[in-house]
Amino acid sequence: MKIEQLLTIIKDALEDKKAHDIEVLDVRDKSSITDFMVIATGNTGRQVIALAQHLIEKAKSYGERPLGNEGYNVGEWVLVDLGDIIVHIMQPETRDFYQLEKLWSEVDTVSN
């Protein structure tokens, strides 16, 4: 599957469950661990977990198995590793605190 198709699947899955402030960062020239980072916000721990579960199910239905995930036990910040794309789903306070977008501020944002 092409990476653009996987990005679309990820964004659609997050939008299905009402994630907001979805940002796609192109880190191909900045990181050796992944090509893209997707950052999204869920309002509560329950929603963050539900977003991650839905994303994983959707990815699997297209034949993409996550390499791993972290953060299900609390739901404050769940990371889903899809290899070329790492997805961060956070509660608003956590996203504000860590400011991943600022950390990667020199990275190009992808707009579709």
N, C-alpha and C. Protein backbone atom coordinates (compact mmCIF):
# COMPACT_ATOMS: atom_id res chain seq x y z
N MET A 1 0.85 -1.18 0.00
CA MET A 1 0.00 0.00 0.00
C MET A 1 0.89 1.24 0.00
N LYS A 2 0.50 2.20 -0.78
CA LYS A 2 1.25 3.46 -0.82
C LYS A 2 1.00 4.24 0.46
N ILE A 3 2.02 5.00 0.83
CA ILE A 3 1.95 5.76 2.08
C ILE A 3 0.81 6.79 2.05
N GLU A 4 0.54 7.37 0.88
CA GLU A 4 -0.55 8.34 0.76
C GLU A 4 -1.89 7.68 1.06
N GLN A 5 -2.06 6.43 0.62
CA GLN A 5 -3.30 5.71 0.89
C GLN A 5 -3.44 5.45 2.39
N LEU A 6 -2.34 5.05 3.02
CA LEU A 6 -2.38 4.80 4.46
C LEU A 6 -2.68 6.08 5.24
N LEU A 7 -2.12 7.20 4.82
CA LEU A 7 -2.43 8.48 5.47
C LEU A 7 -3.92 8.79 5.38
N THR A 8 -4.51 8.53 4.23
CA THR A 8 -5.95 8.77 4.04
C THR A 8 -6.76 7.86 4.96
N ILE A 9 -6.37 6.59 5.05
CA ILE A 9 -7.07 5.65 5.92
C ILE A 9 -6.99 6.12 7.37
N ILE A 10 -5.82 6.55 7.79
CA ILE A 10 -5.62 7.04 9.16
C ILE A 10 -6.50 8.25 9.43
N LYS A 11 -6.43 9.23 8.55
CA LYS A 11 -7.23 10.45 8.75
C LYS A 11 -8.72 10.13 8.78
N ASP A 12 -9.18 9.27 7.87
CA ASP A 12 -10.59 8.89 7.84
C ASP A 12 -11.00 8.18 9.12
N ALA A 13 -10.15 7.27 9.62
CA ALA A 13 -10.47 6.53 10.85
C ALA A 13 -10.57 7.49 12.04
N LEU A 14 -9.66 8.44 12.11
CA LEU A 14 -9.70 9.42 13.20
C LEU A 14 -10.93 10.32 13.10
N GLU A 15 -11.25 10.74 11.90
CA GLU A 15 -12.43 11.58 11.70
C GLU A 15 -13.72 10.81 11.99
N ASP A 16 -13.74 9.50 11.69
CA ASP A 16 -14.92 8.66 11.98
C ASP A 16 -15.33 8.75 13.44
N LYS A 17 -14.35 8.80 14.33
CA LYS A 17 -14.61 8.81 15.77
C LYS A 17 -14.46 10.21 16.38
N LYS A 18 -14.51 11.21 15.53
CA LYS A 18 -14.56 12.62 15.97
C LYS A 18 -13.29 13.15 16.61
N ALA A 19 -12.14 12.69 16.15
CA ALA A 19 -10.88 13.32 16.59
C ALA A 19 -10.86 14.73 16.03
N HIS A 20 -10.15 15.61 16.68
CA HIS A 20 -10.04 16.96 16.15
C HIS A 20 -8.58 17.40 16.13
N ASP A 21 -8.34 18.52 15.47
CA ASP A 21 -6.99 19.08 15.32
C ASP A 21 -6.00 18.04 14.78
N ILE A 22 -6.42 17.34 13.74
CA ILE A 22 -5.56 16.33 13.12
C ILE A 22 -4.50 17.01 12.29
N GLU A 23 -3.24 16.71 12.59
CA GLU A 23 -2.13 17.28 11.83
C GLU A 23 -1.24 16.16 11.33
N VAL A 24 -0.78 16.32 10.09
CA VAL A 24 0.14 15.35 9.49
C VAL A 24 1.46 16.07 9.26
N LEU A 25 2.52 15.54 9.87
CA LEU A 25 3.85 16.13 9.75
C LEU A 25 4.74 15.23 8.90
N ASP A 26 5.35 15.81 7.90
CA ASP A 26 6.29 15.09 7.04
C ASP A 26 7.67 15.18 7.68
N VAL A 27 8.17 14.06 8.20
CA VAL A 27 9.45 14.06 8.90
C VAL A 27 10.51 13.23 8.16
N ARG A 28 10.28 12.97 6.89
CA ARG A 28 11.20 12.13 6.12
C ARG A 28 12.63 12.66 6.14
N ASP A 29 12.79 13.96 6.07
CA ASP A 29 14.13 14.54 6.07
C ASP A 29 14.64 14.85 7.47
N LYS A 30 13.83 14.63 8.50
CA LYS A 30 14.19 14.99 9.86
C LYS A 30 14.36 13.81 10.80
N SER A 31 13.86 12.64 10.41
CA SER A 31 13.87 11.50 11.31
C SER A 31 14.18 10.22 10.56
N SER A 32 14.89 9.34 11.22
CA SER A 32 15.18 8.03 10.61
C SER A 32 14.21 6.96 11.10
N ILE A 33 13.33 7.29 12.03
CA ILE A 33 12.43 6.28 12.58
C ILE A 33 11.11 6.16 11.84
N THR A 34 10.70 7.20 11.14
CA THR A 34 9.42 7.19 10.45
C THR A 34 9.41 8.27 9.37
N ASP A 35 8.43 8.19 8.47
CA ASP A 35 8.30 9.18 7.42
C ASP A 35 7.30 10.28 7.77
N PHE A 36 6.23 9.89 8.44
CA PHE A 36 5.18 10.84 8.81
C PHE A 36 4.76 10.63 10.25
N MET A 37 4.35 11.72 10.89
CA MET A 37 3.72 11.67 12.21
C MET A 37 2.35 12.31 12.07
N VAL A 38 1.37 11.62 12.62
CA VAL A 38 0.01 12.16 12.65
C VAL A 38 -0.29 12.43 14.12
N ILE A 39 -0.79 13.63 14.39
CA ILE A 39 -1.13 14.02 15.76
C ILE A 39 -2.61 14.39 15.76
N ALA A 40 -3.35 13.82 16.71
CA ALA A 40 -4.78 14.09 16.80
C ALA A 40 -5.17 14.22 18.27
N THR A 41 -6.31 14.87 18.51
CA THR A 41 -6.79 15.08 19.87
C THR A 41 -8.14 14.40 20.07
N GLY A 42 -8.27 13.74 21.22
CA GLY A 42 -9.54 13.21 21.69
C GLY A 42 -9.87 13.92 22.99
N ASN A 43 -11.14 14.13 23.25
CA ASN A 43 -11.54 14.94 24.40
C ASN A 43 -11.32 14.28 25.76
N THR A 44 -11.42 12.96 25.81
CA THR A 44 -11.30 12.23 27.08
C THR A 44 -10.41 11.01 26.89
N GLY A 45 -10.03 10.41 27.99
CA GLY A 45 -9.25 9.18 27.91
C GLY A 45 -9.99 8.08 27.17
N ARG A 46 -11.27 7.98 27.42
CA ARG A 46 -12.10 6.99 26.71
C ARG A 46 -12.09 7.22 25.22
N GLN A 47 -12.21 8.47 24.81
CA GLN A 47 -12.23 8.77 23.38
C GLN A 47 -10.86 8.50 22.77
N VAL A 48 -9.79 8.83 23.47
CA VAL A 48 -8.44 8.58 22.96
C VAL A 48 -8.26 7.08 22.71
N ILE A 49 -8.68 6.26 23.66
CA ILE A 49 -8.56 4.81 23.51
C ILE A 49 -9.44 4.31 22.36
N ALA A 50 -10.67 4.82 22.28
CA ALA A 50 -11.58 4.42 21.21
C ALA A 50 -11.02 4.80 19.84
N LEU A 51 -10.42 5.98 19.75
CA LEU A 51 -9.81 6.42 18.49
C LEU A 51 -8.69 5.47 18.08
N ALA A 52 -7.85 5.12 19.03
CA ALA A 52 -6.73 4.22 18.73
C ALA A 52 -7.24 2.85 18.32
N GLN A 53 -8.21 2.31 19.04
CA GLN A 53 -8.75 0.99 18.71
C GLN A 53 -9.37 0.99 17.31
N HIS A 54 -10.13 2.04 17.00
CA HIS A 54 -10.76 2.13 15.69
C HIS A 54 -9.69 2.24 14.59
N LEU A 55 -8.68 3.03 14.84
CA LEU A 55 -7.59 3.18 13.87
C LEU A 55 -6.91 1.84 13.61
N ILE A 56 -6.61 1.10 14.67
CA ILE A 56 -5.95 -0.19 14.51
C ILE A 56 -6.84 -1.17 13.74
N GLU A 57 -8.12 -1.21 14.07
CA GLU A 57 -9.05 -2.09 13.34
C GLU A 57 -9.13 -1.73 11.87
N LYS A 58 -9.21 -0.45 11.60
CA LYS A 58 -9.30 0.02 10.21
C LYS A 58 -8.03 -0.33 9.44
N ALA A 59 -6.87 -0.09 10.06
CA ALA A 59 -5.60 -0.40 9.41
C ALA A 59 -5.51 -1.90 9.10
N LYS A 60 -5.88 -2.72 10.08
CA LYS A 60 -5.84 -4.18 9.88
C LYS A 60 -6.77 -4.61 8.75
N SER A 61 -7.92 -3.95 8.64
CA SER A 61 -8.87 -4.32 7.58
C SER A 61 -8.31 -4.04 6.19
N TYR A 62 -7.30 -3.17 6.12
CA TYR A 62 -6.63 -2.88 4.85
C TYR A 62 -5.29 -3.62 4.74
N GLY A 63 -5.05 -4.55 5.67
CA GLY A 63 -3.84 -5.35 5.61
C GLY A 63 -2.62 -4.72 6.25
N GLU A 64 -2.80 -3.63 6.98
CA GLU A 64 -1.69 -2.96 7.66
C GLU A 64 -1.73 -3.29 9.14
N ARG A 65 -0.78 -4.07 9.59
CA ARG A 65 -0.71 -4.44 11.00
C ARG A 65 0.24 -3.49 11.74
N PRO A 66 -0.25 -2.89 12.82
CA PRO A 66 0.63 -2.01 13.60
C PRO A 66 1.83 -2.77 14.15
N LEU A 67 2.97 -2.10 14.19
CA LEU A 67 4.17 -2.68 14.77
C LEU A 67 4.09 -2.66 16.29
N GLY A 68 3.28 -1.75 16.82
CA GLY A 68 3.10 -1.66 18.26
C GLY A 68 2.21 -0.50 18.62
N ASN A 69 1.83 -0.46 19.88
CA ASN A 69 1.07 0.67 20.40
C ASN A 69 1.38 0.80 21.89
N GLU A 70 1.26 1.99 22.37
CA GLU A 70 1.57 2.30 23.77
C GLU A 70 0.53 3.26 24.32
N GLY A 71 0.24 3.15 25.61
CA GLY A 71 -0.59 4.13 26.28
C GLY A 71 -2.03 3.74 26.51
N TYR A 72 -2.42 2.52 26.14
CA TYR A 72 -3.81 2.11 26.35
C TYR A 72 -4.22 2.09 27.81
N ASN A 73 -3.28 1.83 28.71
CA ASN A 73 -3.63 1.67 30.12
C ASN A 73 -4.19 2.95 30.75
N VAL A 74 -3.81 4.12 30.23
CA VAL A 74 -4.28 5.37 30.82
C VAL A 74 -5.19 6.13 29.86
N GLY A 75 -4.83 6.18 28.59
CA GLY A 75 -5.65 6.90 27.62
C GLY A 75 -5.34 8.38 27.53
N GLU A 76 -4.27 8.79 28.18
CA GLU A 76 -3.87 10.20 28.11
C GLU A 76 -3.18 10.48 26.77
N TRP A 77 -2.36 9.51 26.34
CA TRP A 77 -1.62 9.63 25.09
C TRP A 77 -1.41 8.22 24.57
N VAL A 78 -1.99 7.91 23.42
CA VAL A 78 -1.79 6.59 22.81
C VAL A 78 -1.00 6.78 21.53
N LEU A 79 0.04 5.97 21.40
CA LEU A 79 0.88 5.99 20.21
C LEU A 79 0.62 4.70 19.44
N VAL A 80 0.37 4.82 18.14
CA VAL A 80 0.18 3.67 17.27
C VAL A 80 1.27 3.74 16.20
N ASP A 81 2.12 2.71 16.18
CA ASP A 81 3.25 2.66 15.24
C ASP A 81 2.85 1.83 14.03
N LEU A 82 2.70 2.50 12.90
CA LEU A 82 2.39 1.82 11.65
C LEU A 82 3.59 1.81 10.72
N GLY A 83 4.78 1.87 11.30
CA GLY A 83 6.01 1.80 10.51
C GLY A 83 6.36 3.14 9.89
N ASP A 84 5.92 3.34 8.68
CA ASP A 84 6.21 4.59 7.98
C ASP A 84 5.44 5.78 8.55
N ILE A 85 4.43 5.47 9.37
CA ILE A 85 3.61 6.52 9.98
C ILE A 85 3.42 6.19 11.46
N ILE A 86 3.71 7.16 12.31
CA ILE A 86 3.44 7.02 13.74
C ILE A 86 2.32 7.98 14.10
N VAL A 87 1.31 7.45 14.77
CA VAL A 87 0.13 8.24 15.12
C VAL A 87 0.13 8.49 16.63
N HIS A 88 -0.01 9.75 17.01
CA HIS A 88 -0.11 10.17 18.41
C HIS A 88 -1.53 10.68 18.63
N ILE A 89 -2.24 10.06 19.55
CA ILE A 89 -3.60 10.51 19.88
C ILE A 89 -3.57 10.91 21.35
N MET A 90 -3.92 12.18 21.62
CA MET A 90 -3.75 12.71 22.97
C MET A 90 -4.98 13.47 23.45
N GLN A 91 -5.08 13.55 24.77
CA GLN A 91 -6.06 14.46 25.36
C GLN A 91 -5.52 15.89 25.19
N PRO A 92 -6.40 16.88 25.20
CA PRO A 92 -5.97 18.27 24.97
C PRO A 92 -4.85 18.75 25.89
N GLU A 93 -4.95 18.45 27.19
CA GLU A 93 -3.95 18.93 28.14
C GLU A 93 -2.57 18.33 27.84
N THR A 94 -2.57 17.07 27.47
CA THR A 94 -1.31 16.38 27.16
C THR A 94 -0.71 16.95 25.89
N ARG A 95 -1.55 17.19 24.91
CA ARG A 95 -1.05 17.76 23.66
C ARG A 95 -0.48 19.15 23.88
N ASP A 96 -1.16 19.94 24.70
CA ASP A 96 -0.66 21.28 25.01
C ASP A 96 0.66 21.23 25.76
N PHE A 97 0.79 20.26 26.66
CA PHE A 97 2.00 20.16 27.46
C PHE A 97 3.22 19.75 26.62
N TYR A 98 3.06 18.73 25.80
CA TYR A 98 4.20 18.20 25.05
C TYR A 98 4.48 18.95 23.75
N GLN A 99 3.49 19.58 23.19
CA GLN A 99 3.63 20.42 21.99
C GLN A 99 4.52 19.77 20.92
N LEU A 100 4.13 18.58 20.49
CA LEU A 100 4.92 17.88 19.48
C LEU A 100 5.06 18.68 18.18
N GLU A 101 4.03 19.43 17.85
CA GLU A 101 4.11 20.25 16.64
C GLU A 101 5.25 21.26 16.74
N LYS A 102 5.43 21.83 17.92
CA LYS A 102 6.50 22.80 18.13
C LYS A 102 7.86 22.10 18.07
N LEU A 103 7.93 20.89 18.64
CA LEU A 103 9.15 20.11 18.61
C LEU A 103 9.61 19.88 17.17
N TRP A 104 8.65 19.64 16.31
CA TRP A 104 8.95 19.41 14.90
C TRP A 104 8.62 20.64 14.06
N SER A 105 8.77 21.82 14.64
CA SER A 105 8.34 23.07 13.98
C SER A 105 8.99 23.33 12.64
N GLU A 106 10.15 22.79 12.43
CA GLU A 106 10.82 22.99 11.14
C GLU A 106 10.41 21.95 10.12
N VAL A 107 9.46 21.11 10.49
CA VAL A 107 8.98 20.06 9.61
C VAL A 107 7.79 20.58 8.82
N ASP A 108 7.67 20.18 7.59
CA ASP A 108 6.57 20.61 6.74
C ASP A 108 5.29 19.93 7.16
N THR A 109 4.18 20.70 7.27
CA THR A 109 2.88 20.14 7.52
C THR A 109 2.25 19.77 6.19
N VAL A 110 1.66 18.58 6.12
CA VAL A 110 1.04 18.12 4.89
C VAL A 110 -0.42 18.52 4.93
N SER A 111 -0.89 19.17 3.92
CA SER A 111 -2.30 19.53 3.86
C SER A 111 -2.95 18.83 2.67
N ASN A 112 -4.08 18.22 2.94
CA ASN A 112 -4.82 17.50 1.88
C ASN A 112 -6.13 18.15 1.66
